[in-house]
Amino acid sequence: MFDFEDYTFFNPSPNFRELMILQIISQNEKVSQEMIARSVGIVPSMVNRYLKDFEDKKYIIKTGGNRRNMNYEITHDGEKRLQFLTVSFINEVSKIYSETKKSFNKVLNKIEDMGYKNILLYGAGVVGGIVLKVLTGENINVIGFIDDSISKQGDKIHGINIYSPEEVKNMDYDMIIIASFRHSEDILKNARENELSNIYIFNIDETGNVSLEKGE
């Protein structure tokens, strides 16, 4: 089952909240309304309205004399509803993945057309981690990260070594991709000062299109 805390950008629609609450109840019948509220990100009074609606639709059976010892048992109808919502969620996620992959394919095809095999990523941060996952998911060899932060150098991100700019001068690499939005200009300047070559900048425009631009 999904850990919805990993999906921070989904719109909290009623269907999404319904899915989250039913999933929580299916995993823990003794869960309190306060715990549900914290997990879903809504106030307890709204949780109470969802639970009342679930009872009316026979998705759950509520037992216990008061809120302190209340149990919520998901019914057969509730399990069917949870299955339907989960499939609907997977369908929407797959659409997002498909569109995202189409956008990234332009970058992947460009790397392949240039015949580059061994890639260094400049920027061992969040963006660098995302680019790493995309590239390695397509069997592109990322041989290391470069980062200007001394505190990161010598460490690893997702099992990939982080080097200083000086350390990679004599490494056998095909290209360097600057994987940072906020600091790309500073990184490019530092890469030039360290006489690094074949540098490309990873960009995403306001419409979500992904591109690689040669660092001039």
C-alpha atoms as a PDB file:
ATOM      1  CA  MET A   1       0.000   0.000   0.000  1.00  0.00           C
ATOM      2  CA  PHE A   2       1.096   3.577  -0.604  1.00  0.00           C
ATOM      3  CA  ASP A   3       2.719   5.821   1.999  1.00  0.00           C
ATOM      4  CA  PHE A   4       0.877   9.029   1.170  1.00  0.00           C
ATOM      5  CA  GLU A   5       3.351  11.145   3.147  1.00  0.00           C
ATOM      6  CA  ASP A   6       5.701  10.652   0.180  1.00  0.00           C
ATOM      7  CA  TYR A   7       3.242  12.390  -2.161  1.00  0.00           C
ATOM      8  CA  THR A   8       3.225  15.979  -0.935  1.00  0.00           C
ATOM      9  CA  PHE A   9       2.003  17.644  -4.134  1.00  0.00           C
ATOM     10  CA  PHE A  10      -1.271  15.826  -4.701  1.00  0.00           C
ATOM     11  CA  ASN A  11      -4.391  17.943  -4.494  1.00  0.00           C
ATOM     12  CA  PRO A  12      -6.240  16.985  -1.269  1.00  0.00           C
ATOM     13  CA  SER A  13      -9.564  16.260  -3.007  1.00  0.00           C
ATOM     14  CA  PRO A  14     -12.449  14.531  -1.183  1.00  0.00           C
ATOM     15  CA  ASN A  15     -11.665  11.267  -3.010  1.00  0.00           C
ATOM     16  CA  PHE A  16      -8.030  11.474  -1.980  1.00  0.00           C
ATOM     17  CA  ARG A  17      -8.949  12.117   1.664  1.00  0.00           C
ATOM     18  CA  GLU A  18     -11.470   9.282   1.535  1.00  0.00           C
ATOM     19  CA  LEU A  19      -8.765   6.950   0.250  1.00  0.00           C
ATOM     20  CA  MET A  20      -6.351   8.016   2.972  1.00  0.00           C
ATOM     21  CA  ILE A  21      -8.879   7.593   5.802  1.00  0.00           C
ATOM     22  CA  LEU A  22     -10.082   4.179   4.610  1.00  0.00           C
ATOM     23  CA  GLN A  23      -6.490   3.016   4.245  1.00  0.00           C
ATOM     24  CA  ILE A  24      -5.636   4.194   7.776  1.00  0.00           C
ATOM     25  CA  ILE A  25      -8.663   2.409   9.236  1.00  0.00           C
ATOM     26  CA  SER A  26      -7.871  -0.790   7.309  1.00  0.00           C
ATOM     27  CA  GLN A  27      -4.433  -0.819   8.931  1.00  0.00           C
ATOM     28  CA  ASN A  28      -5.481   0.137  12.462  1.00  0.00           C
ATOM     29  CA  GLU A  29      -9.033  -0.346  13.762  1.00  0.00           C
ATOM     30  CA  LYS A  30      -8.180   1.412  17.021  1.00  0.00           C
ATOM     31  CA  VAL A  31      -6.953   4.612  15.395  1.00  0.00           C
ATOM     32  CA  SER A  32      -8.349   7.801  16.917  1.00  0.00           C
ATOM     33  CA  GLN A  33      -9.967  10.653  15.039  1.00  0.00           C
ATOM     34  CA  GLU A  34      -7.122  12.890  16.186  1.00  0.00           C
ATOM     35  CA  MET A  35      -4.544  10.527  14.669  1.00  0.00           C
ATOM     36  CA  ILE A  36      -6.502  10.368  11.416  1.00  0.00           C
ATOM     37  CA  ALA A  37      -6.732  14.160  11.348  1.00  0.00           C
ATOM     38  CA  ARG A  38      -2.963  14.533  11.763  1.00  0.00           C
ATOM     39  CA  SER A  39      -2.221  11.944   9.063  1.00  0.00           C
ATOM     40  CA  VAL A  40      -4.666  13.398   6.527  1.00  0.00           C
ATOM     41  CA  GLY A  41      -4.012  17.042   7.371  1.00  0.00           C
ATOM     42  CA  ILE A  42      -7.565  18.038   8.280  1.00  0.00           C
ATOM     43  CA  VAL A  43      -9.360  19.004  11.494  1.00  0.00           C
ATOM     44  CA  PRO A  44     -10.986  16.284  13.662  1.00  0.00           C
ATOM     45  CA  SER A  45     -14.480  17.659  12.988  1.00  0.00           C
ATOM     46  CA  MET A  46     -13.982  16.992   9.266  1.00  0.00           C
ATOM     47  CA  VAL A  47     -12.760  13.472  10.061  1.00  0.00           C
ATOM     48  CA  ASN A  48     -15.955  12.949  12.036  1.00  0.00           C
ATOM     49  CA  ARG A  49     -18.027  13.954   8.990  1.00  0.00           C
ATOM     50  CA  TYR A  50     -16.144  11.485   6.789  1.00  0.00           C
ATOM     51  CA  LEU A  51     -16.636   8.694   9.337  1.00  0.00           C
ATOM     52  CA  LYS A  52     -20.373   9.464   9.620  1.00  0.00           C
ATOM     53  CA  ASP A  53     -20.613   9.301   5.822  1.00  0.00           C
ATOM     54  CA  PHE A  54     -18.725   5.989   5.820  1.00  0.00           C
ATOM     55  CA  GLU A  55     -21.183   4.588   8.356  1.00  0.00           C
ATOM     56  CA  ASP A  56     -24.158   5.717   6.290  1.00  0.00           C
ATOM     57  CA  LYS A  57     -22.678   4.046   3.206  1.00  0.00           C
ATOM     58  CA  LYS A  58     -21.813   0.926   5.240  1.00  0.00           C
ATOM     59  CA  TYR A  59     -18.083   1.254   4.550  1.00  0.00           C
ATOM     60  CA  ILE A  60     -17.251   0.930   8.266  1.00  0.00           C
ATOM     61  CA  ILE A  61     -18.779  -0.363  11.468  1.00  0.00           C
ATOM     62  CA  LYS A  62     -18.152   1.742  14.549  1.00  0.00           C
ATOM     63  CA  THR A  63     -17.998   0.078  17.986  1.00  0.00           C
ATOM     64  CA  GLY A  64     -17.255   1.453  21.443  1.00  0.00           C
ATOM     65  CA  GLY A  65     -19.033   3.672  23.898  1.00  0.00           C
ATOM     66  CA  ASN A  66     -17.097   6.891  23.385  1.00  0.00           C
ATOM     67  CA  ARG A  67     -14.297   8.427  21.343  1.00  0.00           C
ATOM     68  CA  ARG A  68     -11.596   7.167  23.724  1.00  0.00           C
ATOM     69  CA  ASN A  69     -12.323   3.472  23.132  1.00  0.00           C
ATOM     70  CA  MET A  70     -13.827   3.696  19.653  1.00  0.00           C
ATOM     71  CA  ASN A  71     -12.979   1.047  17.048  1.00  0.00           C
ATOM     72  CA  TYR A  72     -13.578   1.323  13.309  1.00  0.00           C
ATOM     73  CA  GLU A  73     -13.929  -1.918  11.353  1.00  0.00           C
ATOM     74  CA  ILE A  74     -13.851  -1.694   7.578  1.00  0.00           C
ATOM     75  CA  THR A  75     -16.649  -3.695   5.939  1.00  0.00           C
ATOM     76  CA  HIS A  76     -16.712  -5.689   2.696  1.00  0.00           C
ATOM     77  CA  ASP A  77     -18.265  -2.663   0.968  1.00  0.00           C
ATOM     78  CA  GLY A  78     -15.566  -0.500   2.508  1.00  0.00           C
ATOM     79  CA  GLU A  79     -12.847  -2.803   1.189  1.00  0.00           C
ATOM     80  CA  LYS A  80     -14.391  -2.627  -2.291  1.00  0.00           C
ATOM     81  CA  ARG A  81     -14.494   1.167  -2.087  1.00  0.00           C
ATOM     82  CA  LEU A  82     -10.869   1.252  -0.942  1.00  0.00           C
ATOM     83  CA  GLN A  83      -9.879  -0.978  -3.866  1.00  0.00           C
ATOM     84  CA  PHE A  84     -11.700   1.283  -6.328  1.00  0.00           C
ATOM     85  CA  LEU A  85     -10.082   4.435  -4.935  1.00  0.00           C
ATOM     86  CA  THR A  86      -6.649   2.780  -4.956  1.00  0.00           C
ATOM     87  CA  VAL A  87      -7.015   1.737  -8.605  1.00  0.00           C
ATOM     88  CA  SER A  88      -8.174   5.256  -9.489  1.00  0.00           C
ATOM     89  CA  PHE A  89      -5.149   6.691  -7.685  1.00  0.00           C
ATOM     90  CA  ILE A  90      -2.769   4.336  -9.517  1.00  0.00           C
ATOM     91  CA  ASN A  91      -4.382   5.304 -12.822  1.00  0.00           C
ATOM     92  CA  GLU A  92      -3.763   9.009 -12.211  1.00  0.00           C
ATOM     93  CA  VAL A  93      -0.195   8.389 -11.000  1.00  0.00           C
ATOM     94  CA  SER A  94       0.523   6.344 -14.142  1.00  0.00           C
ATOM     95  CA  LYS A  95      -0.702   9.235 -16.299  1.00  0.00           C
ATOM     96  CA  ILE A  96       1.614  11.630 -14.464  1.00  0.00           C
ATOM     97  CA  TYR A  97       4.503   9.173 -14.856  1.00  0.00           C
ATOM     98  CA  SER A  98       3.788   8.747 -18.582  1.00  0.00           C
ATOM     99  CA  GLU A  99       3.741  12.501 -19.236  1.00  0.00           C
ATOM    100  CA  THR A 100       6.852  13.041 -17.121  1.00  0.00           C
ATOM    101  CA  LYS A 101       8.728  10.272 -18.924  1.00  0.00           C
ATOM    102  CA  LYS A 102       7.834  11.814 -22.299  1.00  0.00           C
ATOM    103  CA  SER A 103       9.352  15.083 -21.159  1.00  0.00           C
ATOM    104  CA  PHE A 104      12.519  13.427 -19.822  1.00  0.00           C
ATOM    105  CA  ASN A 105      12.856  11.324 -22.985  1.00  0.00           C
ATOM    106  CA  LYS A 106      14.040  14.420 -24.861  1.00  0.00           C
ATOM    107  CA  VAL A 107      16.989  14.665 -22.484  1.00  0.00           C
ATOM    108  CA  LEU A 108      17.645  10.923 -22.516  1.00  0.00           C
ATOM    109  CA  ASN A 109      17.548  10.797 -26.313  1.00  0.00           C
ATOM    110  CA  LYS A 110      19.964  13.719 -26.532  1.00  0.00           C
ATOM    111  CA  ILE A 111      22.457  11.955 -24.253  1.00  0.00           C
ATOM    112  CA  GLU A 112      22.105   8.761 -26.273  1.00  0.00           C
ATOM    113  CA  ASP A 113      22.480  10.576 -29.617  1.00  0.00           C
ATOM    114  CA  MET A 114      25.694  12.177 -28.406  1.00  0.00           C
ATOM    115  CA  GLY A 115      27.008   8.750 -27.423  1.00  0.00           C
ATOM    116  CA  TYR A 116      27.752   9.753 -23.842  1.00  0.00           C
ATOM    117  CA  LYS A 117      28.038   6.862 -21.393  1.00  0.00           C
ATOM    118  CA  ASN A 118      29.691   8.134 -18.199  1.00  0.00           C
ATOM    119  CA  ILE A 119      27.947  11.087 -16.563  1.00  0.00           C
ATOM    120  CA  LEU A 120      28.877  13.338 -13.655  1.00  0.00           C
ATOM    121  CA  LEU A 121      26.146  15.332 -11.929  1.00  0.00           C
ATOM    122  CA  TYR A 122      27.161  18.715 -10.532  1.00  0.00           C
ATOM    123  CA  GLY A 123      24.984  19.434  -7.488  1.00  0.00           C
ATOM    124  CA  ALA A 124      24.369  16.799  -4.806  1.00  0.00           C
ATOM    125  CA  GLY A 125      20.999  18.142  -3.714  1.00  0.00           C
ATOM    126  CA  VAL A 126      17.318  17.433  -4.296  1.00  0.00           C
ATOM    127  CA  VAL A 127      17.446  18.147  -8.045  1.00  0.00           C
ATOM    128  CA  GLY A 128      20.585  16.042  -8.376  1.00  0.00           C
ATOM    129  CA  GLY A 129      18.848  13.139  -6.658  1.00  0.00           C
ATOM    130  CA  ILE A 130      15.898  13.384  -9.052  1.00  0.00           C
ATOM    131  CA  VAL A 131      18.134  13.503 -12.139  1.00  0.00           C
ATOM    132  CA  LEU A 132      20.100  10.526 -10.783  1.00  0.00           C
ATOM    133  CA  LYS A 133      16.926   8.431 -10.472  1.00  0.00           C
ATOM    134  CA  VAL A 134      15.824   9.306 -14.008  1.00  0.00           C
ATOM    135  CA  LEU A 135      19.206   8.544 -15.576  1.00  0.00           C
ATOM    136  CA  THR A 136      19.903   5.320 -13.690  1.00  0.00           C
ATOM    137  CA  GLY A 137      16.319   4.202 -14.384  1.00  0.00           C
ATOM    138  CA  GLU A 138      17.271   4.284 -18.071  1.00  0.00           C
ATOM    139  CA  ASN A 139      20.587   2.468 -17.472  1.00  0.00           C
ATOM    140  CA  ILE A 140      22.705   5.586 -17.958  1.00  0.00           C
ATOM    141  CA  ASN A 141      25.892   5.339 -15.925  1.00  0.00           C
ATOM    142  CA  VAL A 142      26.263   8.120 -13.348  1.00  0.00           C
ATOM    143  CA  ILE A 143      29.822   7.775 -12.092  1.00  0.00           C
ATOM    144  CA  GLY A 144      29.644  10.455  -9.412  1.00  0.00           C
ATOM    145  CA  PHE A 145      28.416  13.774  -8.068  1.00  0.00           C
ATOM    146  CA  ILE A 146      30.377  17.005  -7.877  1.00  0.00           C
ATOM    147  CA  ASP A 147      29.580  19.517  -5.170  1.00  0.00           C
ATOM    148  CA  ASP A 148      31.206  22.727  -3.987  1.00  0.00           C
ATOM    149  CA  SER A 149      30.163  22.127  -0.385  1.00  0.00           C
ATOM    150  CA  ILE A 150      33.071  20.756   1.649  1.00  0.00           C
ATOM    151  CA  SER A 151      30.588  19.136   4.058  1.00  0.00           C
ATOM    152  CA  LYS A 152      29.203  16.981   1.220  1.00  0.00           C
ATOM    153  CA  GLN A 153      32.493  16.057  -0.432  1.00  0.00           C
ATOM    154  CA  GLY A 154      33.573  12.515   0.429  1.00  0.00           C
ATOM    155  CA  ASP A 155      30.000  11.536   1.268  1.00  0.00           C
ATOM    156  CA  LYS A 156      27.516   9.608  -0.884  1.00  0.00           C
ATOM    157  CA  ILE A 157      24.009  10.207  -2.207  1.00  0.00           C
ATOM    158  CA  HIS A 158      22.009   7.107  -3.130  1.00  0.00           C
ATOM    159  CA  GLY A 159      25.287   5.179  -3.049  1.00  0.00           C
ATOM    160  CA  ILE A 160      27.059   7.513  -5.517  1.00  0.00           C
ATOM    161  CA  ASN A 161      30.286   9.230  -4.419  1.00  0.00           C
ATOM    162  CA  ILE A 162      30.416  13.017  -4.081  1.00  0.00           C
ATOM    163  CA  TYR A 163      33.644  14.636  -5.291  1.00  0.00           C
ATOM    164  CA  SER A 164      35.145  18.098  -5.201  1.00  0.00           C
ATOM    165  CA  PRO A 165      35.620  19.858  -8.566  1.00  0.00           C
ATOM    166  CA  GLU A 166      39.375  19.344  -8.257  1.00  0.00           C
ATOM    167  CA  GLU A 167      39.003  15.577  -7.798  1.00  0.00           C
ATOM    168  CA  VAL A 168      37.185  15.005 -11.092  1.00  0.00           C
ATOM    169  CA  LYS A 169      39.680  16.808 -13.353  1.00  0.00           C
ATOM    170  CA  ASN A 170      41.472  13.582 -14.203  1.00  0.00           C
ATOM    171  CA  MET A 171      38.417  11.321 -14.151  1.00  0.00           C
ATOM    172  CA  ASP A 172      37.273   9.604 -17.351  1.00  0.00           C
ATOM    173  CA  TYR A 173      33.843  11.167 -17.952  1.00  0.00           C
ATOM    174  CA  ASP A 174      31.837  12.049 -21.059  1.00  0.00           C
ATOM    175  CA  MET A 175      29.758  14.941 -19.763  1.00  0.00           C
ATOM    176  CA  ILE A 176      28.858  16.936 -16.691  1.00  0.00           C
ATOM    177  CA  ILE A 177      25.217  17.842 -16.056  1.00  0.00           C
ATOM    178  CA  ILE A 178      24.566  20.789 -13.741  1.00  0.00           C
ATOM    179  CA  ALA A 179      21.637  19.543 -11.643  1.00  0.00           C
ATOM    180  CA  SER A 180      20.640  22.714  -9.840  1.00  0.00           C
ATOM    181  CA  PHE A 181      18.195  25.511 -10.632  1.00  0.00           C
ATOM    182  CA  ARG A 182      19.017  28.226  -8.114  1.00  0.00           C
ATOM    183  CA  HIS A 183      22.807  27.956  -8.355  1.00  0.00           C
ATOM    184  CA  SER A 184      23.375  26.884 -11.971  1.00  0.00           C
ATOM    185  CA  GLU A 185      25.185  30.094 -12.969  1.00  0.00           C
ATOM    186  CA  ASP A 186      27.537  29.940  -9.968  1.00  0.00           C
ATOM    187  CA  ILE A 187      28.184  26.245 -10.590  1.00  0.00           C
ATOM    188  CA  LEU A 188      28.948  26.861 -14.267  1.00  0.00           C
ATOM    189  CA  LYS A 189      31.377  29.636 -13.313  1.00  0.00           C
ATOM    190  CA  ASN A 190      33.123  27.390 -10.787  1.00  0.00           C
ATOM    191  CA  ALA A 191      33.299  24.517 -13.285  1.00  0.00           C
ATOM    192  CA  ARG A 192      35.022  26.778 -15.785  1.00  0.00           C
ATOM    193  CA  GLU A 193      37.459  28.009 -13.167  1.00  0.00           C
ATOM    194  CA  ASN A 194      38.344  24.382 -12.451  1.00  0.00           C
ATOM    195  CA  GLU A 195      38.812  23.761 -16.201  1.00  0.00           C
ATOM    196  CA  LEU A 196      36.056  21.145 -16.402  1.00  0.00           C
ATOM    197  CA  SER A 197      34.752  20.403 -19.889  1.00  0.00           C
ATOM    198  CA  ASN A 198      31.626  19.300 -21.758  1.00  0.00           C
ATOM    199  CA  ILE A 199      29.197  20.883 -19.313  1.00  0.00           C
ATOM    200  CA  TYR A 200      25.432  20.868 -19.794  1.00  0.00           C
ATOM    201  CA  ILE A 201      22.722  22.547 -17.714  1.00  0.00           C
ATOM    202  CA  PHE A 202      19.548  20.698 -16.743  1.00  0.00           C
ATOM    203  CA  ASN A 203      16.493  22.960 -17.127  1.00  0.00           C
ATOM    204  CA  ILE A 204      12.735  22.745 -16.600  1.00  0.00           C
ATOM    205  CA  ASP A 205      10.583  25.545 -18.022  1.00  0.00           C
ATOM    206  CA  GLU A 206       7.302  26.880 -16.634  1.00  0.00           C
ATOM    207  CA  THR A 207       5.283  24.329 -18.637  1.00  0.00           C
ATOM    208  CA  GLY A 208       7.276  21.374 -17.306  1.00  0.00           C
ATOM    209  CA  ASN A 209       9.351  20.763 -20.423  1.00  0.00           C
ATOM    210  CA  VAL A 210      12.796  19.357 -19.627  1.00  0.00           C
ATOM    211  CA  SER A 211      15.917  20.208 -21.617  1.00  0.00           C
ATOM    212  CA  LEU A 212      19.723  20.057 -21.611  1.00  0.00           C
ATOM    213  CA  GLU A 213      21.534  23.206 -22.646  1.00  0.00           C
ATOM    214  CA  LYS A 214      25.233  23.427 -23.410  1.00  0.00           C
ATOM    215  CA  GLY A 215      27.028  25.511 -20.771  1.00  0.00           C
ATOM    216  CA  GLU A 216      28.569  28.321 -22.837  1.00  0.00           C
END
